[in-house]
């Protein structure tokens, strides 16, 4: 993912759906709406990591309650680059591909 890309998400219906490697959206009490990758899951909380090198650190984010996760990424719609007219318009995310996005 890059700045300006769109992430298509589906609403989380049960906290048991959250798995390592998922890209999720969270309404964080300090940082507002954020997009992160799940790196650890406990029965009540998750640890998140950034996709960008400029992301807030996992330690600064702290443990996130599962109920604060409101969406799971299912596809990326890239911002069209002026330099790359062959850019793929839409692609579904695969779990192994998500792991490659992590910073």
PDB file of N, CA and C in Angstrom:
ATOM      1  N   UNK A   1       0.838  -1.179   0.000  1.00  0.00           N
ATOM      2  CA  UNK A   1       0.000   0.000   0.000  1.00  0.00           C
ATOM      3  C   UNK A   1       0.880   1.238   0.000  1.00  0.00           C
ATOM      4  N   UNK A   2       0.374   2.303  -0.624  1.00  0.00           N
ATOM      5  CA  UNK A   2       1.099   3.567  -0.707  1.00  0.00           C
ATOM      6  C   UNK A   2       0.168   4.697  -0.307  1.00  0.00           C
ATOM      7  N   UNK A   3       0.740   5.848   0.045  1.00  0.00           N
ATOM      8  CA  UNK A   3      -0.082   7.010   0.355  1.00  0.00           C
ATOM      9  C   UNK A   3      -1.019   7.281  -0.810  1.00  0.00           C
ATOM     10  N   UNK A   4      -2.290   7.498  -0.493  1.00  0.00           N
ATOM     11  CA  UNK A   4      -3.275   7.778  -1.523  1.00  0.00           C
ATOM     12  C   UNK A   4      -4.028   6.561  -2.013  1.00  0.00           C
ATOM     13  N   UNK A   5      -3.546   5.350  -1.704  1.00  0.00           N
ATOM     14  CA  UNK A   5      -4.279   4.134  -2.063  1.00  0.00           C
ATOM     15  C   UNK A   5      -5.540   4.041  -1.212  1.00  0.00           C
ATOM     16  N   UNK A   6      -6.533   3.373  -1.742  1.00  0.00           N
ATOM     17  CA  UNK A   6      -7.763   3.119  -1.003  1.00  0.00           C
ATOM     18  C   UNK A   6      -7.770   1.678  -0.547  1.00  0.00           C
ATOM     19  N   UNK A   7      -8.264   1.457   0.658  1.00  0.00           N
ATOM     20  CA  UNK A   7      -8.398   0.111   1.208  1.00  0.00           C
ATOM     21  C   UNK A   7      -9.882  -0.196   1.331  1.00  0.00           C
ATOM     22  N   UNK A   8     -10.321  -1.248   0.657  1.00  0.00           N
ATOM     23  CA  UNK A   8     -11.702  -1.707   0.769  1.00  0.00           C
ATOM     24  C   UNK A   8     -11.766  -2.627   1.982  1.00  0.00           C
ATOM     25  N   UNK A   9     -12.652  -2.325   2.919  1.00  0.00           N
ATOM     26  CA  UNK A   9     -12.746  -3.118   4.146  1.00  0.00           C
ATOM     27  C   UNK A   9     -14.136  -3.710   4.293  1.00  0.00           C
ATOM     28  N   UNK A  10     -14.175  -4.775   5.041  1.00  0.00           N
ATOM     29  CA  UNK A  10     -15.476  -5.329   5.436  1.00  0.00           C
ATOM     30  C   UNK A  10     -15.596  -5.178   6.941  1.00  0.00           C
ATOM     31  N   UNK A  11     -16.801  -4.962   7.401  1.00  0.00           N
ATOM     32  CA  UNK A  11     -17.066  -4.766   8.823  1.00  0.00           C
ATOM     33  C   UNK A  11     -16.748  -6.048   9.594  1.00  0.00           C
ATOM     34  N   UNK A  12     -16.174  -5.887  10.775  1.00  0.00           N
ATOM     35  CA  UNK A  12     -15.889  -7.027  11.641  1.00  0.00           C
ATOM     36  C   UNK A  12     -17.149  -7.339  12.436  1.00  0.00           C
ATOM     37  N   UNK A  13     -17.634  -8.564  12.299  1.00  0.00           N
ATOM     38  CA  UNK A  13     -18.852  -8.950  13.000  1.00  0.00           C
ATOM     39  C   UNK A  13     -18.553  -9.677  14.303  1.00  0.00           C
ATOM     40  N   UNK A  14     -17.446 -10.410  14.334  1.00  0.00           N
ATOM     41  CA  UNK A  14     -17.051 -11.151  15.546  1.00  0.00           C
ATOM     42  C   UNK A  14     -15.551 -10.965  15.742  1.00  0.00           C
ATOM     43  N   UNK A  15     -15.150 -10.735  16.982  1.00  0.00           N
ATOM     44  CA  UNK A  15     -13.727 -10.510  17.244  1.00  0.00           C
ATOM     45  C   UNK A  15     -12.890 -11.757  16.967  1.00  0.00           C
ATOM     46  N   UNK A  16     -13.507 -12.929  16.917  1.00  0.00           N
ATOM     47  CA  UNK A  16     -12.795 -14.165  16.601  1.00  0.00           C
ATOM     48  C   UNK A  16     -12.312 -14.206  15.160  1.00  0.00           C
ATOM     49  N   UNK A  17     -12.814 -13.267  14.323  1.00  0.00           N
ATOM     50  CA  UNK A  17     -12.396 -13.208  12.917  1.00  0.00           C
ATOM     51  C   UNK A  17     -11.006 -12.623  12.748  1.00  0.00           C
ATOM     52  N   UNK A  18     -10.471 -11.971  13.769  1.00  0.00           N
ATOM     53  CA  UNK A  18      -9.193 -11.274  13.664  1.00  0.00           C
ATOM     54  C   UNK A  18      -8.051 -12.278  13.741  1.00  0.00           C
ATOM     55  N   UNK A  19      -7.149 -12.220  12.771  1.00  0.00           N
ATOM     56  CA  UNK A  19      -6.007 -13.143  12.686  1.00  0.00           C
ATOM     57  C   UNK A  19      -4.725 -12.359  12.423  1.00  0.00           C
ATOM     58  N   UNK A  20      -3.586 -12.973  12.765  1.00  0.00           N
ATOM     59  CA  UNK A  20      -2.286 -12.389  12.426  1.00  0.00           C
ATOM     60  C   UNK A  20      -2.213 -12.166  10.921  1.00  0.00           C
ATOM     61  N   UNK A  21      -1.624 -11.048  10.534  1.00  0.00           N
ATOM     62  CA  UNK A  21      -1.436 -10.751   9.127  1.00  0.00           C
ATOM     63  C   UNK A  21      -2.552  -9.948   8.492  1.00  0.00           C
ATOM     64  N   UNK A  22      -3.697  -9.819   9.142  1.00  0.00           N
ATOM     65  CA  UNK A  22      -4.801  -9.043   8.572  1.00  0.00           C
ATOM     66  C   UNK A  22      -4.471  -7.554   8.610  1.00  0.00           C
ATOM     67  N   UNK A  23      -4.850  -6.825   7.567  1.00  0.00           N
ATOM     68  CA  UNK A  23      -4.826  -5.371   7.593  1.00  0.00           C
ATOM     69  C   UNK A  23      -6.177  -4.942   8.150  1.00  0.00           C
ATOM     70  N   UNK A  24      -6.142  -4.086   9.181  1.00  0.00           N
ATOM     71  CA  UNK A  24      -7.373  -3.691   9.854  1.00  0.00           C
ATOM     72  C   UNK A  24      -7.464  -2.179   9.979  1.00  0.00           C
ATOM     73  N   UNK A  25      -8.685  -1.701  10.162  1.00  0.00           N
ATOM     74  CA  UNK A  25      -8.909  -0.298  10.498  1.00  0.00           C
ATOM     75  C   UNK A  25      -9.345  -0.240  11.952  1.00  0.00           C
ATOM     76  N   UNK A  26      -8.832   0.779  12.646  1.00  0.00           N
ATOM     77  CA  UNK A  26      -9.079   0.919  14.076  1.00  0.00           C
ATOM     78  C   UNK A  26      -9.359   2.386  14.367  1.00  0.00           C
ATOM     79  N   UNK A  27     -10.280   2.635  15.285  1.00  0.00           N
ATOM     80  CA  UNK A  27     -10.462   3.993  15.786  1.00  0.00           C
ATOM     81  C   UNK A  27      -9.679   4.074  17.095  1.00  0.00           C
ATOM     82  N   UNK A  28      -8.443   4.553  16.998  1.00  0.00           N
ATOM     83  CA  UNK A  28      -7.533   4.611  18.136  1.00  0.00           C
ATOM     84  C   UNK A  28      -7.844   5.855  18.976  1.00  0.00           C
ATOM     85  N   UNK A  29      -7.851   5.720  20.315  1.00  0.00           N
ATOM     86  CA  UNK A  29      -8.213   6.872  21.163  1.00  0.00           C
ATOM     87  C   UNK A  29      -7.243   8.056  21.030  1.00  0.00           C
ATOM     88  N   UNK A  30      -5.982   7.807  20.723  1.00  0.00           N
ATOM     89  CA  UNK A  30      -4.999   8.889  20.619  1.00  0.00           C
ATOM     90  C   UNK A  30      -4.743   9.324  19.174  1.00  0.00           C
ATOM     91  N   UNK A  31      -4.698   8.365  18.234  1.00  0.00           N
ATOM     92  CA  UNK A  31      -4.290   8.653  16.867  1.00  0.00           C
ATOM     93  C   UNK A  31      -5.443   8.745  15.871  1.00  0.00           C
ATOM     94  N   UNK A  32      -6.664   8.513  16.319  1.00  0.00           N
ATOM     95  CA  UNK A  32      -7.819   8.567  15.423  1.00  0.00           C
ATOM     96  C   UNK A  32      -7.902   7.315  14.549  1.00  0.00           C
ATOM     97  N   UNK A  33      -8.467   7.460  13.351  1.00  0.00           N
ATOM     98  CA  UNK A  33      -8.634   6.330  12.428  1.00  0.00           C
ATOM     99  C   UNK A  33      -7.279   5.954  11.855  1.00  0.00           C
ATOM    100  N   UNK A  34      -6.895   4.694  12.028  1.00  0.00           N
ATOM    101  CA  UNK A  34      -5.605   4.214  11.530  1.00  0.00           C
ATOM    102  C   UNK A  34      -5.787   2.894  10.796  1.00  0.00           C
ATOM    103  N   UNK A  35      -4.834   2.592   9.922  1.00  0.00           N
ATOM    104  CA  UNK A  35      -4.785   1.325   9.185  1.00  0.00           C
ATOM    105  C   UNK A  35      -3.477   0.648   9.569  1.00  0.00           C
ATOM    106  N   UNK A  36      -3.562  -0.586  10.069  1.00  0.00           N
ATOM    107  CA  UNK A  36      -2.381  -1.304  10.554  1.00  0.00           C
ATOM    108  C   UNK A  36      -2.486  -2.783  10.218  1.00  0.00           C
ATOM    109  N   UNK A  37      -1.394  -3.515  10.477  1.00  0.00           N
ATOM    110  CA  UNK A  37      -1.352  -4.960  10.297  1.00  0.00           C
ATOM    111  C   UNK A  37      -1.350  -5.620  11.675  1.00  0.00           C
ATOM    112  N   UNK A  38      -2.160  -6.660  11.840  1.00  0.00           N
ATOM    113  CA  UNK A  38      -2.201  -7.409  13.099  1.00  0.00           C
ATOM    114  C   UNK A  38      -0.964  -8.297  13.172  1.00  0.00           C
ATOM    115  N   UNK A  39      -0.187  -8.172  14.285  1.00  0.00           N
ATOM    116  CA  UNK A  39       1.027  -8.972  14.439  1.00  0.00           C
ATOM    117  C   UNK A  39       0.940  -9.949  15.603  1.00  0.00           C
ATOM    118  N   UNK A  40      -0.036  -9.769  16.496  1.00  0.00           N
ATOM    119  CA  UNK A  40      -0.225 -10.714  17.608  1.00  0.00           C
ATOM    120  C   UNK A  40      -1.671 -10.618  18.081  1.00  0.00           C
ATOM    121  N   UNK A  41      -2.230 -11.775  18.449  1.00  0.00           N
ATOM    122  CA  UNK A  41      -3.629 -11.837  18.885  1.00  0.00           C
ATOM    123  C   UNK A  41      -3.706 -12.590  20.202  1.00  0.00           C
ATOM    124  N   UNK A  42      -4.406 -11.999  21.183  1.00  0.00           N
ATOM    125  CA  UNK A  42      -4.736 -12.687  22.430  1.00  0.00           C
ATOM    126  C   UNK A  42      -6.258 -12.801  22.472  1.00  0.00           C
ATOM    127  N   UNK A  43      -6.822 -13.462  23.470  1.00  0.00           N
ATOM    128  CA  UNK A  43      -8.283 -13.544  23.528  1.00  0.00           C
ATOM    129  C   UNK A  43      -8.987 -12.182  23.589  1.00  0.00           C
ATOM    130  N   UNK A  44      -8.358 -11.170  24.189  1.00  0.00           N
ATOM    131  CA  UNK A  44      -9.008  -9.874  24.369  1.00  0.00           C
ATOM    132  C   UNK A  44      -8.411  -8.742  23.527  1.00  0.00           C
ATOM    133  N   UNK A  45      -7.114  -8.838  23.163  1.00  0.00           N
ATOM    134  CA  UNK A  45      -6.432  -7.719  22.518  1.00  0.00           C
ATOM    135  C   UNK A  45      -5.638  -8.165  21.299  1.00  0.00           C
ATOM    136  N   UNK A  46      -5.150  -7.172  20.554  1.00  0.00           N
ATOM    137  CA  UNK A  46      -4.244  -7.419  19.437  1.00  0.00           C
ATOM    138  C   UNK A  46      -3.093  -6.417  19.507  1.00  0.00           C
ATOM    139  N   UNK A  47      -1.970  -6.783  18.920  1.00  0.00           N
ATOM    140  CA  UNK A  47      -0.857  -5.856  18.710  1.00  0.00           C
ATOM    141  C   UNK A  47      -0.831  -5.543  17.227  1.00  0.00           C
ATOM    142  N   UNK A  48      -0.572  -4.274  16.918  1.00  0.00           N
ATOM    143  CA  UNK A  48      -0.588  -3.817  15.539  1.00  0.00           C
ATOM    144  C   UNK A  48       0.769  -3.245  15.152  1.00  0.00           C
ATOM    145  N   UNK A  49       1.086  -3.355  13.872  1.00  0.00           N
ATOM    146  CA  UNK A  49       2.308  -2.769  13.324  1.00  0.00           C
ATOM    147  C   UNK A  49       1.937  -1.966  12.097  1.00  0.00           C
ATOM    148  N   UNK A  50       2.805  -1.015  11.763  1.00  0.00           N
ATOM    149  CA  UNK A  50       2.564  -0.159  10.612  1.00  0.00           C
ATOM    150  C   UNK A  50       2.972  -0.786   9.308  1.00  0.00           C
ATOM    151  N   UNK A  51       2.420  -0.273   8.240  1.00  0.00           N
ATOM    152  CA  UNK A  51       2.758  -0.701   6.892  1.00  0.00           C
ATOM    153  C   UNK A  51       3.843   0.216   6.331  1.00  0.00           C
ATOM    154  N   UNK A  52       3.807   1.468   6.732  1.00  0.00           N
ATOM    155  CA  UNK A  52       4.758   2.471   6.267  1.00  0.00           C
ATOM    156  C   UNK A  52       5.934   2.588   7.235  1.00  0.00           C
ATOM    157  N   UNK A  53       7.089   2.986   6.722  1.00  0.00           N
ATOM    158  CA  UNK A  53       8.250   3.213   7.579  1.00  0.00           C
ATOM    159  C   UNK A  53       8.029   4.407   8.500  1.00  0.00           C
ATOM    160  N   UNK A  54       7.075   5.270   8.175  1.00  0.00           N
ATOM    161  CA  UNK A  54       6.777   6.437   9.000  1.00  0.00           C
ATOM    162  C   UNK A  54       5.667   6.161  10.013  1.00  0.00           C
ATOM    163  N   UNK A  55       5.230   4.923  10.132  1.00  0.00           N
ATOM    164  CA  UNK A  55       4.136   4.566  11.036  1.00  0.00           C
ATOM    165  C   UNK A  55       4.528   4.708  12.495  1.00  0.00           C
ATOM    166  N   UNK A  56       3.525   4.905  13.317  1.00  0.00           N
ATOM    167  CA  UNK A  56       3.704   4.898  14.763  1.00  0.00           C
ATOM    168  C   UNK A  56       4.139   3.502  15.190  1.00  0.00           C
ATOM    169  N   UNK A  57       5.057   3.426  16.142  1.00  0.00           N
ATOM    170  CA  UNK A  57       5.592   2.132  16.561  1.00  0.00           C
ATOM    171  C   UNK A  57       4.537   1.299  17.289  1.00  0.00           C
ATOM    172  N   UNK A  58       4.749  -0.002  17.275  1.00  0.00           N
ATOM    173  CA  UNK A  58       3.863  -0.936  17.972  1.00  0.00           C
ATOM    174  C   UNK A  58       3.796  -0.594  19.456  1.00  0.00           C
ATOM    175  N   UNK A  59       4.923  -0.241  20.054  1.00  0.00           N
ATOM    176  CA  UNK A  59       4.940   0.105  21.482  1.00  0.00           C
ATOM    177  C   UNK A  59       4.124   1.360  21.768  1.00  0.00           C
ATOM    178  N   UNK A  60       4.207   2.378  20.899  1.00  0.00           N
ATOM    179  CA  UNK A  60       3.435   3.602  21.101  1.00  0.00           C
ATOM    180  C   UNK A  60       1.936   3.366  20.957  1.00  0.00           C
ATOM    181  N   UNK A  61       1.556   2.425  20.097  1.00  0.00           N
ATOM    182  CA  UNK A  61       0.135   2.118  19.921  1.00  0.00           C
ATOM    183  C   UNK A  61      -0.431   1.386  21.129  1.00  0.00           C
ATOM    184  N   UNK A  62       0.393   0.531  21.738  1.00  0.00           N
ATOM    185  CA  UNK A  62      -0.080  -0.282  22.853  1.00  0.00           C
ATOM    186  C   UNK A  62      -0.982  -1.404  22.383  1.00  0.00           C
ATOM    187  N   UNK A  63      -1.482  -2.174  23.348  1.00  0.00           N
ATOM    188  CA  UNK A  63      -2.432  -3.238  23.019  1.00  0.00           C
ATOM    189  C   UNK A  63      -3.773  -2.612  22.667  1.00  0.00           C
ATOM    190  N   UNK A  64      -4.396  -3.155  21.637  1.00  0.00           N
ATOM    191  CA  UNK A  64      -5.685  -2.659  21.151  1.00  0.00           C
ATOM    192  C   UNK A  64      -6.757  -3.681  21.492  1.00  0.00           C
ATOM    193  N   UNK A  65      -7.865  -3.202  22.066  1.00  0.00           N
ATOM    194  CA  UNK A  65      -8.985  -4.104  22.340  1.00  0.00           C
ATOM    195  C   UNK A  65      -9.579  -4.567  21.017  1.00  0.00           C
ATOM    196  N   UNK A  66      -9.925  -5.837  20.944  1.00  0.00           N
ATOM    197  CA  UNK A  66     -10.490  -6.373  19.704  1.00  0.00           C
ATOM    198  C   UNK A  66     -11.737  -5.620  19.259  1.00  0.00           C
ATOM    199  N   UNK A  67     -12.539  -5.162  20.220  1.00  0.00           N
ATOM    200  CA  UNK A  67     -13.774  -4.466  19.836  1.00  0.00           C
ATOM    201  C   UNK A  67     -13.511  -3.093  19.220  1.00  0.00           C
ATOM    202  N   UNK A  68     -12.278  -2.566  19.315  1.00  0.00           N
ATOM    203  CA  UNK A  68     -11.939  -1.298  18.673  1.00  0.00           C
ATOM    204  C   UNK A  68     -11.613  -1.457  17.187  1.00  0.00           C
ATOM    205  N   UNK A  69     -11.446  -2.695  16.742  1.00  0.00           N
ATOM    206  CA  UNK A  69     -11.215  -2.958  15.322  1.00  0.00           C
ATOM    207  C   UNK A  69     -12.571  -2.964  14.629  1.00  0.00           C
ATOM    208  N   UNK A  70     -12.708  -2.106  13.613  1.00  0.00           N
ATOM    209  CA  UNK A  70     -14.014  -2.018  12.965  1.00  0.00           C
ATOM    210  C   UNK A  70     -14.034  -2.519  11.530  1.00  0.00           C
ATOM    211  N   UNK A  71     -12.868  -2.819  10.949  1.00  0.00           N
ATOM    212  CA  UNK A  71     -12.865  -3.318   9.584  1.00  0.00           C
ATOM    213  C   UNK A  71     -11.630  -4.133   9.269  1.00  0.00           C
ATOM    214  N   UNK A  72     -11.775  -5.069   8.333  1.00  0.00           N
ATOM    215  CA  UNK A  72     -10.673  -5.898   7.851  1.00  0.00           C
ATOM    216  C   UNK A  72     -10.518  -5.639   6.362  1.00  0.00           C
ATOM    217  N   UNK A  73      -9.285  -5.334   5.939  1.00  0.00           N
ATOM    218  CA  UNK A  73      -9.025  -5.049   4.534  1.00  0.00           C
ATOM    219  C   UNK A  73      -9.208  -6.275   3.658  1.00  0.00           C
ATOM    220  N   UNK A  74      -9.886  -6.089   2.525  1.00  0.00           N
ATOM    221  CA  UNK A  74     -10.081  -7.197   1.588  1.00  0.00           C
ATOM    222  C   UNK A  74      -9.527  -6.891   0.199  1.00  0.00           C
ATOM    223  N   UNK A  75      -9.306  -5.603  -0.113  1.00  0.00           N
ATOM    224  CA  UNK A  75      -8.791  -5.251  -1.436  1.00  0.00           C
ATOM    225  C   UNK A  75      -8.164  -3.863  -1.384  1.00  0.00           C
ATOM    226  N   UNK A  76      -7.265  -3.615  -2.332  1.00  0.00           N
ATOM    227  CA  UNK A  76      -6.614  -2.311  -2.463  1.00  0.00           C
ATOM    228  C   UNK A  76      -6.949  -1.730  -3.835  1.00  0.00           C
ATOM    229  N   UNK A  77      -7.332  -0.459  -3.837  1.00  0.00           N
ATOM    230  CA  UNK A  77      -7.517   0.272  -5.073  1.00  0.00           C
ATOM    231  C   UNK A  77      -6.392   1.315  -5.103  1.00  0.00           C
ATOM    232  N   UNK A  78      -5.368   1.092  -5.928  1.00  0.00           N
ATOM    233  CA  UNK A  78      -4.218   1.999  -5.916  1.00  0.00           C
ATOM    234  C   UNK A  78      -4.529   3.347  -6.535  1.00  0.00           C
ATOM    235  N   UNK A  79      -3.868   4.360  -6.005  1.00  0.00           N
ATOM    236  CA  UNK A  79      -3.917   5.689  -6.603  1.00  0.00           C
ATOM    237  C   UNK A  79      -3.185   5.590  -7.930  1.00  0.00           C
ATOM    238  N   UNK A  80      -3.774   6.095  -8.955  1.00  0.00           N
ATOM    239  CA  UNK A  80      -3.158   5.983 -10.283  1.00  0.00           C
ATOM    240  C   UNK A  80      -1.958   6.908 -10.374  1.00  0.00           C
ATOM    241  N   UNK A  81      -0.843   6.349 -10.733  1.00  0.00           N
ATOM    242  CA  UNK A  81       0.394   7.102 -10.870  1.00  0.00           C
ATOM    243  C   UNK A  81       0.486   7.711 -12.257  1.00  0.00           C
ATOM    244  N   UNK A  82       0.997   8.932 -12.347  1.00  0.00           N
ATOM    245  CA  UNK A  82       1.189   9.563 -13.657  1.00  0.00           C
ATOM    246  C   UNK A  82       2.255   8.818 -14.450  1.00  0.00           C
ATOM    247  N   UNK A  83       3.204   8.217 -13.741  1.00  0.00           N
ATOM    248  CA  UNK A  83       4.316   7.541 -14.403  1.00  0.00           C
ATOM    249  C   UNK A  83       3.983   6.120 -14.826  1.00  0.00           C
ATOM    250  N   UNK A  84       2.962   5.531 -14.230  1.00  0.00           N
ATOM    251  CA  UNK A  84       2.671   4.120 -14.479  1.00  0.00           C
ATOM    252  C   UNK A  84       1.237   3.955 -14.943  1.00  0.00           C
ATOM    253  N   UNK A  85       1.001   4.091 -16.232  1.00  0.00           N
ATOM    254  CA  UNK A  85      -0.349   3.979 -16.768  1.00  0.00           C
ATOM    255  C   UNK A  85      -0.833   2.533 -16.791  1.00  0.00           C
ATOM    256  N   UNK A  86       0.074   1.578 -16.557  1.00  0.00           N
ATOM    257  CA  UNK A  86      -0.312   0.169 -16.546  1.00  0.00           C
ATOM    258  C   UNK A  86      -0.693  -0.317 -15.147  1.00  0.00           C
ATOM    259  N   UNK A  87      -0.817   0.617 -14.208  1.00  0.00           N
ATOM    260  CA  UNK A  87      -1.124   0.278 -12.824  1.00  0.00           C
ATOM    261  C   UNK A  87      -2.424  -0.525 -12.737  1.00  0.00           C
ATOM    262  N   UNK A  88      -2.385  -1.605 -11.980  1.00  0.00           N
ATOM    263  CA  UNK A  88      -3.574  -2.419 -11.780  1.00  0.00           C
ATOM    264  C   UNK A  88      -4.617  -1.607 -11.019  1.00  0.00           C
ATOM    265  N   UNK A  89      -5.846  -1.615 -11.489  1.00  0.00           N
ATOM    266  CA  UNK A  89      -6.875  -0.789 -10.886  1.00  0.00           C
ATOM    267  C   UNK A  89      -7.363  -1.326  -9.549  1.00  0.00           C
ATOM    268  N   UNK A  90      -7.402  -2.621  -9.396  1.00  0.00           N
ATOM    269  CA  UNK A  90      -8.023  -3.216  -8.213  1.00  0.00           C
ATOM    270  C   UNK A  90      -7.398  -4.568  -7.972  1.00  0.00           C
ATOM    271  N   UNK A  91      -7.116  -4.879  -6.719  1.00  0.00           N
ATOM    272  CA  UNK A  91      -6.616  -6.224  -6.437  1.00  0.00           C
ATOM    273  C   UNK A  91      -7.052  -6.657  -5.054  1.00  0.00           C
ATOM    274  N   UNK A  92      -7.370  -7.944  -4.943  1.00  0.00           N
ATOM    275  CA  UNK A  92      -7.712  -8.519  -3.657  1.00  0.00           C
ATOM    276  C   UNK A  92      -6.443  -8.813  -2.888  1.00  0.00           C
ATOM    277  N   UNK A  93      -6.522  -8.693  -1.573  1.00  0.00           N
ATOM    278  CA  UNK A  93      -5.377  -8.979  -0.718  1.00  0.00           C
ATOM    279  C   UNK A  93      -5.350 -10.452  -0.348  1.00  0.00           C
ATOM    280  N   UNK A  94      -4.186 -11.054  -0.439  1.00  0.00           N
ATOM    281  CA  UNK A  94      -3.967 -12.429   0.021  1.00  0.00           C
ATOM    282  C   UNK A  94      -3.113 -12.345   1.270  1.00  0.00           C
ATOM    283  N   UNK A  95      -3.283 -13.277   2.202  1.00  0.00           N
ATOM    284  CA  UNK A  95      -2.595 -13.201   3.490  1.00  0.00           C
ATOM    285  C   UNK A  95      -1.076 -13.132   3.316  1.00  0.00           C
ATOM    286  N   UNK A  96      -0.485 -13.907   2.416  1.00  0.00           N
ATOM    287  CA  UNK A  96       0.964 -13.859   2.246  1.00  0.00           C
ATOM    288  C   UNK A  96       1.406 -12.526   1.621  1.00  0.00           C
ATOM    289  N   UNK A  97       0.550 -11.933   0.809  1.00  0.00           N
ATOM    290  CA  UNK A  97       0.847 -10.643   0.216  1.00  0.00           C
ATOM    291  C   UNK A  97       0.822  -9.549   1.298  1.00  0.00           C
ATOM    292  N   UNK A  98      -0.125  -9.639   2.213  1.00  0.00           N
ATOM    293  CA  UNK A  98      -0.217  -8.676   3.306  1.00  0.00           C
ATOM    294  C   UNK A  98       1.057  -8.692   4.135  1.00  0.00           C
ATOM    295  N   UNK A  99       1.606  -9.858   4.393  1.00  0.00           N
ATOM    296  CA  UNK A  99       2.843  -9.955   5.161  1.00  0.00           C
ATOM    297  C   UNK A  99       3.955  -9.188   4.462  1.00  0.00           C
ATOM    298  N   UNK A 100       3.994  -9.176   3.150  1.00  0.00           N
ATOM    299  CA  UNK A 100       5.012  -8.466   2.392  1.00  0.00           C
ATOM    300  C   UNK A 100       4.862  -6.953   2.442  1.00  0.00           C
ATOM    301  N   UNK A 101       3.685  -6.447   2.834  1.00  0.00           N
ATOM    302  CA  UNK A 101       3.450  -5.007   2.916  1.00  0.00           C
ATOM    303  C   UNK A 101       4.018  -4.408   4.187  1.00  0.00           C
ATOM    304  N   UNK A 102       4.278  -5.216   5.194  1.00  0.00           N
ATOM    305  CA  UNK A 102       4.728  -4.703   6.481  1.00  0.00           C
ATOM    306  C   UNK A 102       6.075  -4.022   6.373  1.00  0.00           C
ATOM    307  N   UNK A 103       6.226  -2.960   7.131  1.00  0.00           N
ATOM    308  CA  UNK A 103       7.482  -2.185   7.116  1.00  0.00           C
ATOM    309  C   UNK A 103       8.578  -2.946   7.834  1.00  0.00           C
TER     310      UNK A 103
END
